[in-house]
N, C-alpha and C. Protein backbone atom coordinates (compact mmCIF):
# COMPACT_ATOMS: atom_id res chain seq x y z
N MET A 1 127.60 86.81 99.83
CA MET A 1 126.17 87.00 100.12
C MET A 1 126.13 88.11 101.61
N SER A 2 125.06 89.07 101.23
CA SER A 2 125.16 89.94 102.12
C SER A 2 124.27 90.08 103.87
N ALA A 3 124.65 90.42 104.51
CA ALA A 3 124.08 90.46 105.74
C ALA A 3 124.43 91.68 106.60
N THR A 4 123.53 91.64 107.73
CA THR A 4 123.55 92.87 108.79
C THR A 4 124.08 92.48 110.10
N TRP A 5 124.50 93.78 110.68
CA TRP A 5 125.10 93.19 112.08
C TRP A 5 123.66 92.99 113.10
N TYR A 6 123.90 91.99 114.02
CA TYR A 6 122.98 91.76 114.88
C TYR A 6 123.44 91.38 116.56
N LYS A 7 122.97 91.94 117.19
CA LYS A 7 123.69 91.58 118.69
C LYS A 7 123.02 90.58 119.22
N LEU A 8 123.78 89.10 119.28
CA LEU A 8 123.16 88.05 120.09
C LEU A 8 122.87 88.00 121.21
N LYS A 9 122.31 86.99 121.72
CA LYS A 9 121.95 87.09 123.22
C LYS A 9 123.07 86.80 124.05
N ASP A 10 124.19 86.45 123.92
CA ASP A 10 125.41 86.38 124.90
C ASP A 10 126.03 87.67 124.54
N GLY A 11 125.56 88.83 123.93
CA GLY A 11 126.19 89.99 123.66
C GLY A 11 127.07 90.21 123.00
N THR A 12 127.61 89.23 121.93
CA THR A 12 128.56 89.47 120.95
C THR A 12 127.84 89.82 119.70
N TRP A 13 128.70 90.45 118.79
CA TRP A 13 127.92 91.12 117.53
C TRP A 13 128.20 89.71 116.73
N GLY A 14 126.96 89.63 115.67
CA GLY A 14 126.73 88.35 115.08
C GLY A 14 126.44 89.09 113.72
N VAL A 15 125.70 88.08 112.89
CA VAL A 15 124.87 88.46 111.44
C VAL A 15 123.42 88.34 111.48
N LYS A 16 122.89 88.61 110.83
CA LYS A 16 121.43 88.02 110.44
C LYS A 16 121.47 88.13 108.93
N ILE A 17 121.09 87.26 108.24
CA ILE A 17 121.25 86.60 106.85
C ILE A 17 119.88 85.85 106.45
N ARG A 18 119.65 86.45 105.20
CA ARG A 18 118.05 85.77 104.61
C ARG A 18 118.57 84.78 103.69
N HIS A 19 119.06 84.03 103.84
CA HIS A 19 119.48 82.53 103.30
C HIS A 19 120.14 81.53 104.09
N ASP A 20 119.81 80.37 103.59
CA ASP A 20 120.56 78.97 104.38
C ASP A 20 121.85 78.90 104.44
N GLY A 21 122.58 79.60 105.38
CA GLY A 21 123.80 79.60 105.59
C GLY A 21 124.82 78.60 106.00
N GLN A 22 125.95 78.38 105.83
CA GLN A 22 126.70 77.31 106.08
C GLN A 22 127.96 77.46 106.98
N PRO A 23 128.51 77.08 108.00
CA PRO A 23 129.80 77.41 108.46
C PRO A 23 130.90 77.49 107.60
N ASN A 24 131.33 78.46 107.81
CA ASN A 24 132.97 78.82 107.11
C ASN A 24 132.29 79.61 106.03
N GLU A 25 130.91 79.88 105.76
CA GLU A 25 130.42 80.70 104.37
C GLU A 25 131.00 82.18 104.56
N GLU A 26 131.36 82.82 103.56
CA GLU A 26 131.98 84.24 103.72
C GLU A 26 130.97 85.23 103.51
N VAL A 27 130.47 85.88 103.93
CA VAL A 27 129.52 86.86 103.97
C VAL A 27 130.09 88.39 104.30
N GLU A 28 129.44 89.18 103.33
CA GLU A 28 129.76 90.58 103.17
C GLU A 28 128.79 91.49 104.17
N VAL A 29 129.17 92.17 105.57
CA VAL A 29 128.07 93.10 106.30
C VAL A 29 128.38 94.07 106.06
N THR A 30 127.19 95.11 106.09
CA THR A 30 127.08 96.39 105.93
C THR A 30 126.57 96.89 106.98
N ASN A 31 126.99 98.37 107.79
CA ASN A 31 126.56 98.87 108.76
C ASN A 31 125.62 99.88 108.36
N LYS A 32 125.12 100.72 109.31
CA LYS A 32 124.33 101.58 108.95
C LYS A 32 124.78 102.80 108.10
N LYS A 33 126.00 103.06 108.10
CA LYS A 33 126.70 104.24 107.41
C LYS A 33 127.17 103.75 105.97
N GLY A 34 126.74 102.33 105.87
CA GLY A 34 126.99 101.78 104.29
C GLY A 34 128.50 100.89 104.40
N GLU A 35 129.39 100.85 105.16
CA GLU A 35 130.83 100.55 105.36
C GLU A 35 130.30 99.07 105.14
N THR A 36 131.59 98.34 104.66
CA THR A 36 131.31 96.99 104.52
C THR A 36 132.55 96.24 105.19
N LYS A 37 132.11 95.13 105.74
CA LYS A 37 133.22 93.90 106.17
C LYS A 37 132.81 92.40 105.59
N THR A 38 133.94 91.84 105.45
CA THR A 38 134.07 90.49 105.26
C THR A 38 133.93 89.95 106.46
N VAL A 39 133.01 88.89 106.80
CA VAL A 39 133.34 88.02 108.16
C VAL A 39 132.84 86.41 107.41
N TYR A 40 133.19 85.51 108.29
CA TYR A 40 132.76 84.21 108.40
C TYR A 40 131.92 83.66 109.11
N LEU A 41 130.63 82.77 108.66
CA LEU A 41 130.16 82.02 109.94
C LEU A 41 130.20 81.10 110.24
N VAL A 42 130.16 80.87 111.71
CA VAL A 42 130.93 80.04 112.66
C VAL A 42 129.77 78.93 112.78
N GLY A 43 128.66 79.77 113.55
CA GLY A 43 127.29 78.60 114.03
C GLY A 43 126.22 79.46 114.08
N CYS A 44 125.31 78.53 113.86
CA CYS A 44 123.69 79.17 113.85
C CYS A 44 123.11 79.29 115.25
N ALA A 45 123.11 80.85 115.52
CA ALA A 45 122.53 81.29 116.69
C ALA A 45 120.63 81.05 117.14
N ALA A 46 120.13 81.16 115.71
CA ALA A 46 118.87 81.01 115.79
C ALA A 46 118.06 81.16 114.12
N LYS A 47 117.09 80.49 114.13
CA LYS A 47 116.58 80.35 112.71
C LYS A 47 115.33 81.02 112.94
N PHE A 48 114.64 81.70 111.68
CA PHE A 48 113.21 82.03 111.58
C PHE A 48 112.57 81.86 110.36
N ASP A 49 111.41 82.15 109.81
CA ASP A 49 110.85 81.74 108.70
C ASP A 49 111.43 82.40 107.62
N ASP A 50 111.96 83.71 108.02
CA ASP A 50 112.99 84.34 106.70
C ASP A 50 114.15 84.87 106.95
N ALA A 51 114.55 84.30 108.06
CA ALA A 51 116.16 84.88 108.50
C ALA A 51 116.78 83.90 109.40
N GLN A 52 118.16 83.89 109.69
CA GLN A 52 118.88 83.23 110.28
C GLN A 52 119.95 84.50 110.94
N LEU A 53 120.30 83.93 112.36
CA LEU A 53 121.22 84.68 113.03
C LEU A 53 122.39 83.88 113.19
N TRP A 54 123.68 84.32 112.79
CA TRP A 54 125.06 83.27 113.27
C TRP A 54 125.99 84.31 113.97
N SER A 55 126.70 83.27 114.63
CA SER A 55 127.83 84.22 115.46
C SER A 55 128.89 84.14 113.82
N ILE A 56 129.94 85.01 114.04
CA ILE A 56 131.23 84.89 113.29
C ILE A 56 132.22 84.92 113.63
N THR A 57 133.30 84.89 112.63
CA THR A 57 134.64 84.95 113.21
C THR A 57 135.49 86.21 111.96
N ASP A 58 136.33 86.76 112.34
CA ASP A 58 137.16 87.71 111.17
C ASP A 58 138.05 86.74 110.42
N ASN A 59 138.30 85.49 111.07
CA ASN A 59 139.39 84.72 110.28
C ASN A 59 138.86 83.92 109.19
N GLU A 60 139.52 83.94 108.39
CA GLU A 60 139.58 83.05 107.18
C GLU A 60 139.54 81.73 107.49
N PRO A 61 138.87 80.69 107.02
CA PRO A 61 138.84 79.62 107.77
C PRO A 61 139.88 78.73 106.99
N GLN A 62 140.86 77.73 107.40
CA GLN A 62 142.12 77.40 106.88
C GLN A 62 141.52 75.93 106.48
N ASN A 63 142.04 75.14 105.64
CA ASN A 63 141.93 74.20 105.06
C ASN A 63 142.73 72.94 105.78
N VAL A 64 142.24 72.33 106.87
CA VAL A 64 142.84 71.77 107.58
C VAL A 64 143.16 70.00 106.97
N LYS A 65 144.51 69.60 106.86
CA LYS A 65 144.80 68.31 106.13
C LYS A 65 145.43 67.51 107.24
N PRO A 66 145.34 66.07 107.21
CA PRO A 66 145.41 65.25 108.41
C PRO A 66 146.87 64.99 108.03
N THR A 67 147.54 65.15 109.30
CA THR A 67 148.91 64.96 109.56
C THR A 67 149.96 63.72 109.21
N ARG A 68 148.99 62.74 109.33
CA ARG A 68 149.27 61.26 108.62
C ARG A 68 148.26 60.41 108.16
N ASN A 69 148.73 59.47 107.56
CA ASN A 69 147.26 58.47 106.89
C ASN A 69 147.34 57.39 107.86
N ILE A 70 146.09 57.33 108.34
CA ILE A 70 145.74 56.24 108.70
C ILE A 70 145.45 54.87 107.82
N PRO A 71 145.90 53.44 108.33
CA PRO A 71 145.81 52.23 107.56
C PRO A 71 144.06 52.16 107.58
N ALA A 72 143.36 51.65 106.48
CA ALA A 72 142.34 50.76 105.94
C ALA A 72 142.11 50.06 107.30
N SER A 73 143.05 49.25 107.58
CA SER A 73 143.15 47.91 108.24
C SER A 73 142.64 48.31 109.48
N GLY A 74 142.27 49.30 110.03
CA GLY A 74 141.99 49.70 111.59
C GLY A 74 143.18 49.96 112.18
N PRO A 75 142.87 50.05 113.72
CA PRO A 75 144.05 50.53 114.47
C PRO A 75 144.56 49.14 115.34
N LYS A 76 145.94 49.51 115.47
CA LYS A 76 146.79 48.33 115.90
C LYS A 76 146.22 47.82 117.21
N THR A 77 146.85 46.72 117.07
CA THR A 77 146.11 46.22 118.68
C THR A 77 147.38 46.05 119.74
N LEU A 78 147.17 46.43 121.45
CA LEU A 78 148.60 46.39 121.90
C LEU A 78 148.61 44.92 122.25
N ASP A 79 149.95 44.41 122.53
CA ASP A 79 150.14 43.06 122.98
C ASP A 79 149.99 42.89 124.65
N GLU A 80 150.14 44.21 125.15
CA GLU A 80 149.55 43.70 126.61
C GLU A 80 148.65 45.02 127.18
N GLU A 81 148.09 45.10 128.08
CA GLU A 81 147.23 45.54 128.72
C GLU A 81 147.72 47.18 128.93
N PRO A 82 147.45 48.18 128.60
CA PRO A 82 147.57 49.66 128.62
C PRO A 82 147.79 50.26 130.21
N PHE A 83 147.20 49.56 131.06
CA PHE A 83 147.15 50.12 132.32
C PHE A 83 148.26 49.48 133.40
């Protein structure tokens, strides 16, 4: 999807998109000179009737996998009080 640069209220650069964005979505941003850059949506800063403003990151989102399996039976109980 395409986007344009937009200065957010906190002073950082974000993007303005004209569709319903999703966190971690890849968008291509074009500047006034016609140069493009790929960024990833982080959080929605504002929604309007025809556009949304999003904070962004340059880093591609990573698929995070759990480091261990948690048993379906629930957590283990302690034999004694933890304090």
